[in-house]
Protein backbone atom coordinates (compact mmCIF):
# COMPACT_ATOMS: atom_id res chain seq x y z
CA UNK A 1 0.00 0.00 0.00
CA UNK A 2 1.36 3.41 -0.97
CA UNK A 3 0.65 6.73 0.68
CA UNK A 4 -1.13 9.37 -1.33
CA UNK A 5 1.12 12.20 -2.44
CA UNK A 6 0.03 15.66 -1.27
CA UNK A 7 0.49 19.03 -2.94
CA UNK A 8 3.47 20.69 -1.25
CA UNK A 9 2.12 24.26 -1.55
CA UNK A 10 -1.21 23.27 0.00
CA UNK A 11 0.51 21.27 2.73
CA UNK A 12 2.73 24.19 3.68
CA UNK A 13 -0.32 26.37 4.36
CA UNK A 14 -0.85 24.26 7.50
CA UNK A 15 2.85 24.16 8.45
CA UNK A 16 4.06 27.78 8.63
CA UNK A 17 7.55 26.95 9.98
CA UNK A 18 8.30 24.70 7.00
CA UNK A 19 9.31 25.52 3.44
CA UNK A 20 9.57 23.64 0.15
CA UNK A 21 12.93 21.96 -0.21
CA UNK A 22 15.43 23.74 -2.46
CA UNK A 23 16.03 21.01 -5.04
CA UNK A 24 13.66 19.33 -7.49
CA UNK A 25 12.37 16.81 -4.95
CA UNK A 26 8.84 17.05 -3.59
CA UNK A 27 9.86 17.56 0.04
CA UNK A 28 9.51 19.98 2.92
CA UNK A 29 12.28 21.23 5.16
CA UNK A 30 12.87 23.20 8.31
CA UNK A 31 15.95 24.72 9.94
CA UNK A 32 16.09 24.79 13.73
CA UNK A 33 18.48 26.41 16.15
CA UNK A 34 18.81 25.50 19.82
CA UNK A 35 20.70 26.91 22.79
CA UNK A 36 23.57 24.45 22.38
CA UNK A 37 24.60 21.02 21.13
CA UNK A 38 22.95 19.17 24.03
CA UNK A 39 19.58 20.78 23.32
CA UNK A 40 19.86 20.04 19.60
CA UNK A 41 20.86 16.44 20.24
CA UNK A 42 18.08 16.00 22.80
CA UNK A 43 15.58 17.26 20.23
CA UNK A 44 16.93 14.82 17.64
CA UNK A 45 16.65 11.97 20.11
CA UNK A 46 13.04 12.82 20.87
CA UNK A 47 12.18 12.99 17.16
CA UNK A 48 14.11 9.78 16.44
CA UNK A 49 11.99 7.87 18.94
CA UNK A 50 8.78 9.05 17.28
CA UNK A 51 10.13 8.47 13.78
CA UNK A 52 11.01 4.92 14.72
CA UNK A 53 7.50 4.31 16.08
CA UNK A 54 6.06 5.68 12.85
CA UNK A 55 8.57 3.77 10.71
CA UNK A 56 9.06 7.05 8.88
CA UNK A 57 12.48 8.62 9.18
CA UNK A 58 13.64 12.15 8.36
CA UNK A 59 16.68 13.13 6.39
CA UNK A 60 18.55 15.46 8.69
CA UNK A 61 21.85 16.86 9.78
CA UNK A 62 23.22 18.47 12.90
CA UNK A 63 26.05 20.95 13.35
CA UNK A 64 26.48 22.06 16.94
CA UNK A 65 23.25 23.93 17.83
CA UNK A 66 21.56 23.64 14.42
CA UNK A 67 19.38 20.88 13.00
CA UNK A 68 18.26 20.74 9.36
CA UNK A 69 15.29 18.47 8.68
CA UNK A 70 13.92 17.27 5.35
CA UNK A 71 10.72 15.23 5.10
CA UNK A 72 9.51 13.24 2.12
CA UNK A 73 7.98 9.82 1.62
CA UNK A 74 10.29 7.91 -0.69
CA UNK A 75 7.68 5.29 -1.68
CA UNK A 76 5.31 8.04 -2.85
CA UNK A 77 8.09 10.20 -4.32
CA UNK A 78 6.73 13.19 -2.42
CA UNK A 79 5.04 14.56 0.68
CA UNK A 80 2.30 12.46 2.33
CA UNK A 81 0.28 12.45 5.53
CA UNK A 82 3.21 10.70 7.22
CA UNK A 83 5.36 13.77 6.60
CA UNK A 84 2.66 16.12 7.88
CA UNK A 85 2.24 14.04 11.05
CA UNK A 86 5.98 13.98 11.69
CA UNK A 87 6.34 17.70 10.88
CA UNK A 88 3.66 18.55 13.44
CA UNK A 89 5.42 16.40 16.03
CA UNK A 90 8.71 18.13 15.20
CA UNK A 91 7.05 21.53 15.63
CA UNK A 92 5.72 20.57 19.07
CA UNK A 93 9.04 19.04 20.15
CA UNK A 94 10.96 22.11 18.95
CA UNK A 95 8.66 24.43 20.90
CA UNK A 96 8.86 22.23 24.02
CA UNK A 97 12.65 22.11 23.81
CA UNK A 98 13.18 25.82 23.30
CA UNK A 99 14.09 26.01 19.63
CA UNK A 100 15.12 29.55 18.74
CA UNK A 101 14.05 29.24 15.10
């Protein structure tokens, strides 16, 4: 069973902190900044636990206090409800953990 691909522009209307990814892929991304490395790593750990439960994993990177997140559903070759659900969780986790941006 494949997830239904969503329109990125329409999806982003409900996710104001996210933006379309810069390359040709149908994906959404968000940049986050935290107080320090420990806060950024703690955030990533919290998201990793949820992503594992969902069996839907972000593409991301971390440099000191910054975390870059990209969400897309590879099987659907685009953004699906799985990405929206994880993006909303990421938004809540970022707010709870004091993300600066």
